[in-house]
């Protein structure tokens, strides 16, 4: 069994400038874990806690993980096709075999609006349905890069909804 740690666990340290991705990777190794889980968010400015996605940075991150013998997994939160394509390319450059993603709930939803979004005929159901063609469209790239797309039930999706989404496409990718 491989044990890992997700960058989200150290978000306050990242925000305060007390840690960057390289410090996080070293921390994972110091804790005796096997896998770094890098949250790259959806912002193309700095790609979340990765801190950027220029080729030299990606090579440096991968080199440190390789040096320390750590597996890499990447996660994001979108079914936007262009963002997923870039996230898959980043994952491949980092040597990750998996990119996890989920529906990103609009941040302005609270109370009754959030409950309406989650109703069987609400926005979440529409967002999951809209994800199907996007997922289908990126599967050839997944295969080409050797990166599996993992669908996560992160906050509001039920397991049944995620299983239904995965079953819309019969693919190991």
C-alpha atoms as a PDB file:
ATOM      1  CA  UNK A   1       0.000   0.000   0.000  1.00  0.00           C
ATOM      2  CA  UNK A   2       1.288   3.444  -0.945  1.00  0.00           C
ATOM      3  CA  UNK A   3       0.637   6.355   1.374  1.00  0.00           C
ATOM      4  CA  UNK A   4       0.681   9.929   0.199  1.00  0.00           C
ATOM      5  CA  UNK A   5       0.014  13.490   1.226  1.00  0.00           C
ATOM      6  CA  UNK A   6      -1.904  16.152  -0.700  1.00  0.00           C
ATOM      7  CA  UNK A   7      -0.620  19.724  -0.932  1.00  0.00           C
ATOM      8  CA  UNK A   8      -4.023  20.958   0.231  1.00  0.00           C
ATOM      9  CA  UNK A   9      -3.061  19.688   3.699  1.00  0.00           C
ATOM     10  CA  UNK A  10      -0.406  22.413   3.846  1.00  0.00           C
ATOM     11  CA  UNK A  11      -2.420  25.166   2.152  1.00  0.00           C
ATOM     12  CA  UNK A  12      -1.913  27.695   4.992  1.00  0.00           C
ATOM     13  CA  UNK A  13       1.852  27.177   4.729  1.00  0.00           C
ATOM     14  CA  UNK A  14       1.755  27.728   0.964  1.00  0.00           C
ATOM     15  CA  UNK A  15      -0.409  30.841   1.334  1.00  0.00           C
ATOM     16  CA  UNK A  16       1.857  32.275   4.042  1.00  0.00           C
ATOM     17  CA  UNK A  17       4.932  31.652   1.878  1.00  0.00           C
ATOM     18  CA  UNK A  18       6.374  29.242   4.435  1.00  0.00           C
ATOM     19  CA  UNK A  19       6.409  26.343   1.960  1.00  0.00           C
ATOM     20  CA  UNK A  20       6.658  25.800  -1.767  1.00  0.00           C
ATOM     21  CA  UNK A  21       6.266  22.646  -3.812  1.00  0.00           C
ATOM     22  CA  UNK A  22       9.900  21.663  -3.263  1.00  0.00           C
ATOM     23  CA  UNK A  23       9.619  22.025   0.517  1.00  0.00           C
ATOM     24  CA  UNK A  24       6.394  20.044   0.408  1.00  0.00           C
ATOM     25  CA  UNK A  25       8.041  17.203  -1.508  1.00  0.00           C
ATOM     26  CA  UNK A  26      10.862  17.064   1.047  1.00  0.00           C
ATOM     27  CA  UNK A  27       8.294  17.093   3.874  1.00  0.00           C
ATOM     28  CA  UNK A  28       6.491  14.103   2.328  1.00  0.00           C
ATOM     29  CA  UNK A  29       9.781  12.204   2.251  1.00  0.00           C
ATOM     30  CA  UNK A  30      10.607  13.229   5.837  1.00  0.00           C
ATOM     31  CA  UNK A  31       7.250  11.816   6.933  1.00  0.00           C
ATOM     32  CA  UNK A  32       8.180   8.475   5.362  1.00  0.00           C
ATOM     33  CA  UNK A  33       5.402   8.579   2.776  1.00  0.00           C
ATOM     34  CA  UNK A  34       5.467   7.214  -0.768  1.00  0.00           C
ATOM     35  CA  UNK A  35       3.405   9.616  -2.874  1.00  0.00           C
ATOM     36  CA  UNK A  36       3.062  13.353  -3.342  1.00  0.00           C
ATOM     37  CA  UNK A  37      -0.347  14.539  -4.410  1.00  0.00           C
ATOM     38  CA  UNK A  38      -0.033  17.904  -6.116  1.00  0.00           C
ATOM     39  CA  UNK A  39      -3.104  20.143  -6.267  1.00  0.00           C
ATOM     40  CA  UNK A  40      -2.748  22.262  -9.390  1.00  0.00           C
ATOM     41  CA  UNK A  41      -6.143  23.927  -9.100  1.00  0.00           C
ATOM     42  CA  UNK A  42      -7.541  25.543 -12.218  1.00  0.00           C
ATOM     43  CA  UNK A  43      -5.604  28.819 -12.339  1.00  0.00           C
ATOM     44  CA  UNK A  44      -3.188  28.903 -15.229  1.00  0.00           C
ATOM     45  CA  UNK A  45      -1.251  31.732 -13.574  1.00  0.00           C
ATOM     46  CA  UNK A  46       0.619  29.520 -11.127  1.00  0.00           C
ATOM     47  CA  UNK A  47      -1.173  26.161 -11.396  1.00  0.00           C
ATOM     48  CA  UNK A  48      -2.139  26.047  -7.745  1.00  0.00           C
ATOM     49  CA  UNK A  49       0.445  24.900  -5.282  1.00  0.00           C
ATOM     50  CA  UNK A  50       2.711  23.750  -8.096  1.00  0.00           C
ATOM     51  CA  UNK A  51       3.727  27.404  -8.402  1.00  0.00           C
ATOM     52  CA  UNK A  52       3.976  27.387 -12.196  1.00  0.00           C
ATOM     53  CA  UNK A  53       4.194  25.002 -15.102  1.00  0.00           C
ATOM     54  CA  UNK A  54       7.114  26.169 -17.177  1.00  0.00           C
ATOM     55  CA  UNK A  55       9.160  23.225 -18.496  1.00  0.00           C
ATOM     56  CA  UNK A  56      12.177  23.899 -16.251  1.00  0.00           C
ATOM     57  CA  UNK A  57      10.018  23.961 -13.117  1.00  0.00           C
ATOM     58  CA  UNK A  58       8.242  20.746 -14.096  1.00  0.00           C
ATOM     59  CA  UNK A  59      11.594  19.055 -14.747  1.00  0.00           C
ATOM     60  CA  UNK A  60      12.903  20.219 -11.354  1.00  0.00           C
ATOM     61  CA  UNK A  61       9.806  18.953  -9.518  1.00  0.00           C
ATOM     62  CA  UNK A  62       9.995  15.610 -11.284  1.00  0.00           C
ATOM     63  CA  UNK A  63      13.741  15.324 -10.652  1.00  0.00           C
ATOM     64  CA  UNK A  64      13.288  15.896  -6.910  1.00  0.00           C
ATOM     65  CA  UNK A  65      10.482  13.326  -6.723  1.00  0.00           C
ATOM     66  CA  UNK A  66      12.600  10.841  -8.666  1.00  0.00           C
ATOM     67  CA  UNK A  67      15.626  11.514  -6.467  1.00  0.00           C
ATOM     68  CA  UNK A  68      13.563  10.917  -3.327  1.00  0.00           C
ATOM     69  CA  UNK A  69      11.780   7.881  -4.778  1.00  0.00           C
ATOM     70  CA  UNK A  70       8.308   9.416  -4.548  1.00  0.00           C
ATOM     71  CA  UNK A  71       5.363   8.653  -6.796  1.00  0.00           C
ATOM     72  CA  UNK A  72       3.412  11.643  -8.115  1.00  0.00           C
ATOM     73  CA  UNK A  73      -0.325  12.140  -8.447  1.00  0.00           C
ATOM     74  CA  UNK A  74      -1.941  15.359  -9.664  1.00  0.00           C
ATOM     75  CA  UNK A  75      -5.387  16.744  -8.968  1.00  0.00           C
ATOM     76  CA  UNK A  76      -7.466  19.590 -10.309  1.00  0.00           C
ATOM     77  CA  UNK A  77     -11.138  20.558 -10.147  1.00  0.00           C
ATOM     78  CA  UNK A  78     -12.687  21.070 -13.527  1.00  0.00           C
ATOM     79  CA  UNK A  79     -14.277  19.522 -16.560  1.00  0.00           C
ATOM     80  CA  UNK A  80     -13.170  22.411 -18.764  1.00  0.00           C
ATOM     81  CA  UNK A  81     -11.549  20.720 -21.755  1.00  0.00           C
ATOM     82  CA  UNK A  82      -8.679  23.172 -22.290  1.00  0.00           C
ATOM     83  CA  UNK A  83      -7.742  23.104 -18.616  1.00  0.00           C
ATOM     84  CA  UNK A  84      -7.904  19.303 -18.512  1.00  0.00           C
ATOM     85  CA  UNK A  85      -5.649  19.046 -21.564  1.00  0.00           C
ATOM     86  CA  UNK A  86      -3.045  21.278 -19.907  1.00  0.00           C
ATOM     87  CA  UNK A  87      -3.401  19.426 -16.602  1.00  0.00           C
ATOM     88  CA  UNK A  88      -2.853  16.102 -18.389  1.00  0.00           C
ATOM     89  CA  UNK A  89       0.287  17.469 -20.033  1.00  0.00           C
ATOM     90  CA  UNK A  90       1.552  18.734 -16.676  1.00  0.00           C
ATOM     91  CA  UNK A  91       0.801  15.344 -15.114  1.00  0.00           C
ATOM     92  CA  UNK A  92       2.775  13.550 -17.813  1.00  0.00           C
ATOM     93  CA  UNK A  93       5.715  15.957 -17.449  1.00  0.00           C
ATOM     94  CA  UNK A  94       5.762  15.247 -13.703  1.00  0.00           C
ATOM     95  CA  UNK A  95       5.678  11.496 -14.250  1.00  0.00           C
ATOM     96  CA  UNK A  96       2.211  11.167 -12.727  1.00  0.00           C
ATOM     97  CA  UNK A  97       0.123   8.219 -13.850  1.00  0.00           C
ATOM     98  CA  UNK A  98      -3.125   9.759 -12.582  1.00  0.00           C
ATOM     99  CA  UNK A  99      -4.936  13.080 -12.791  1.00  0.00           C
ATOM    100  CA  UNK A 100      -7.874  13.381 -10.392  1.00  0.00           C
ATOM    101  CA  UNK A 101     -10.682  15.845 -11.080  1.00  0.00           C
ATOM    102  CA  UNK A 102     -14.199  16.717 -10.006  1.00  0.00           C
ATOM    103  CA  UNK A 103     -16.961  19.262 -10.564  1.00  0.00           C
ATOM    104  CA  UNK A 104     -15.983  22.646  -9.208  1.00  0.00           C
ATOM    105  CA  UNK A 105     -19.010  24.063  -7.420  1.00  0.00           C
ATOM    106  CA  UNK A 106     -19.566  27.788  -8.047  1.00  0.00           C
ATOM    107  CA  UNK A 107     -18.109  29.605  -5.031  1.00  0.00           C
ATOM    108  CA  UNK A 108     -21.065  31.977  -4.668  1.00  0.00           C
ATOM    109  CA  UNK A 109     -23.552  29.190  -3.883  1.00  0.00           C
ATOM    110  CA  UNK A 110     -24.751  29.057  -0.290  1.00  0.00           C
ATOM    111  CA  UNK A 111     -27.904  28.052   1.547  1.00  0.00           C
ATOM    112  CA  UNK A 112     -30.969  27.590  -0.640  1.00  0.00           C
ATOM    113  CA  UNK A 113     -29.033  28.250  -3.859  1.00  0.00           C
ATOM    114  CA  UNK A 114     -26.648  25.422  -3.031  1.00  0.00           C
ATOM    115  CA  UNK A 115     -29.554  23.097  -2.230  1.00  0.00           C
ATOM    116  CA  UNK A 116     -31.159  23.964  -5.577  1.00  0.00           C
ATOM    117  CA  UNK A 117     -27.858  23.240  -7.332  1.00  0.00           C
ATOM    118  CA  UNK A 118     -27.727  19.786  -5.745  1.00  0.00           C
ATOM    119  CA  UNK A 119     -31.333  18.791  -6.610  1.00  0.00           C
ATOM    120  CA  UNK A 120     -31.642  15.868  -9.071  1.00  0.00           C
ATOM    121  CA  UNK A 121     -32.580  18.306 -11.842  1.00  0.00           C
ATOM    122  CA  UNK A 122     -30.270  21.097 -10.636  1.00  0.00           C
ATOM    123  CA  UNK A 123     -26.967  22.553 -11.748  1.00  0.00           C
ATOM    124  CA  UNK A 124     -24.817  19.706 -10.465  1.00  0.00           C
ATOM    125  CA  UNK A 125     -26.682  17.179 -12.633  1.00  0.00           C
ATOM    126  CA  UNK A 126     -26.307  19.496 -15.644  1.00  0.00           C
ATOM    127  CA  UNK A 127     -22.583  20.008 -14.923  1.00  0.00           C
ATOM    128  CA  UNK A 128     -22.021  16.251 -14.658  1.00  0.00           C
ATOM    129  CA  UNK A 129     -23.911  15.660 -17.915  1.00  0.00           C
ATOM    130  CA  UNK A 130     -21.823  18.360 -19.610  1.00  0.00           C
ATOM    131  CA  UNK A 131     -18.672  16.596 -18.394  1.00  0.00           C
ATOM    132  CA  UNK A 132     -19.405  13.453 -20.433  1.00  0.00           C
ATOM    133  CA  UNK A 133     -18.367  14.793 -23.876  1.00  0.00           C
ATOM    134  CA  UNK A 134     -15.346  16.516 -22.334  1.00  0.00           C
ATOM    135  CA  UNK A 135     -14.162  13.299 -20.732  1.00  0.00           C
ATOM    136  CA  UNK A 136     -14.699  11.412 -23.997  1.00  0.00           C
ATOM    137  CA  UNK A 137     -12.683  14.027 -25.879  1.00  0.00           C
ATOM    138  CA  UNK A 138      -9.617  13.809 -23.612  1.00  0.00           C
ATOM    139  CA  UNK A 139      -9.395  10.015 -23.338  1.00  0.00           C
ATOM    140  CA  UNK A 140      -7.218   9.668 -26.479  1.00  0.00           C
ATOM    141  CA  UNK A 141      -4.760  12.142 -24.941  1.00  0.00           C
ATOM    142  CA  UNK A 142      -4.851  10.198 -21.666  1.00  0.00           C
ATOM    143  CA  UNK A 143      -3.854   7.075 -23.559  1.00  0.00           C
ATOM    144  CA  UNK A 144      -1.164   8.920 -25.535  1.00  0.00           C
ATOM    145  CA  UNK A 145       0.379  10.408 -22.376  1.00  0.00           C
ATOM    146  CA  UNK A 146      -0.151   7.350 -20.162  1.00  0.00           C
ATOM    147  CA  UNK A 147      -2.128   9.343 -17.581  1.00  0.00           C
ATOM    148  CA  UNK A 148      -5.416   8.007 -16.223  1.00  0.00           C
ATOM    149  CA  UNK A 149      -8.253  10.429 -15.537  1.00  0.00           C
ATOM    150  CA  UNK A 150      -9.735   9.690 -12.107  1.00  0.00           C
ATOM    151  CA  UNK A 151     -13.190  11.046 -11.373  1.00  0.00           C
ATOM    152  CA  UNK A 152     -13.584  12.056  -7.737  1.00  0.00           C
ATOM    153  CA  UNK A 153     -16.708  12.550  -5.666  1.00  0.00           C
ATOM    154  CA  UNK A 154     -15.218  15.481  -3.888  1.00  0.00           C
ATOM    155  CA  UNK A 155     -17.874  17.455  -2.088  1.00  0.00           C
ATOM    156  CA  UNK A 156     -21.360  17.206  -3.512  1.00  0.00           C
ATOM    157  CA  UNK A 157     -21.383  14.409  -6.070  1.00  0.00           C
ATOM    158  CA  UNK A 158     -22.780  11.145  -4.829  1.00  0.00           C
ATOM    159  CA  UNK A 159     -21.010   7.882  -5.489  1.00  0.00           C
ATOM    160  CA  UNK A 160     -23.884   6.883  -7.762  1.00  0.00           C
ATOM    161  CA  UNK A 161     -23.416  10.047  -9.839  1.00  0.00           C
ATOM    162  CA  UNK A 162     -19.690   9.428 -10.208  1.00  0.00           C
ATOM    163  CA  UNK A 163     -20.181   5.775 -11.135  1.00  0.00           C
ATOM    164  CA  UNK A 164     -22.760   6.806 -13.750  1.00  0.00           C
ATOM    165  CA  UNK A 165     -20.325   9.359 -15.149  1.00  0.00           C
ATOM    166  CA  UNK A 166     -17.479   6.827 -15.361  1.00  0.00           C
ATOM    167  CA  UNK A 167     -19.742   4.250 -16.995  1.00  0.00           C
ATOM    168  CA  UNK A 168     -20.565   6.620 -19.860  1.00  0.00           C
ATOM    169  CA  UNK A 169     -17.260   5.587 -21.378  1.00  0.00           C
ATOM    170  CA  UNK A 170     -15.764   2.121 -21.351  1.00  0.00           C
ATOM    171  CA  UNK A 171     -12.084   2.964 -21.109  1.00  0.00           C
ATOM    172  CA  UNK A 172      -9.204   2.032 -18.855  1.00  0.00           C
ATOM    173  CA  UNK A 173      -8.073   5.667 -19.169  1.00  0.00           C
END
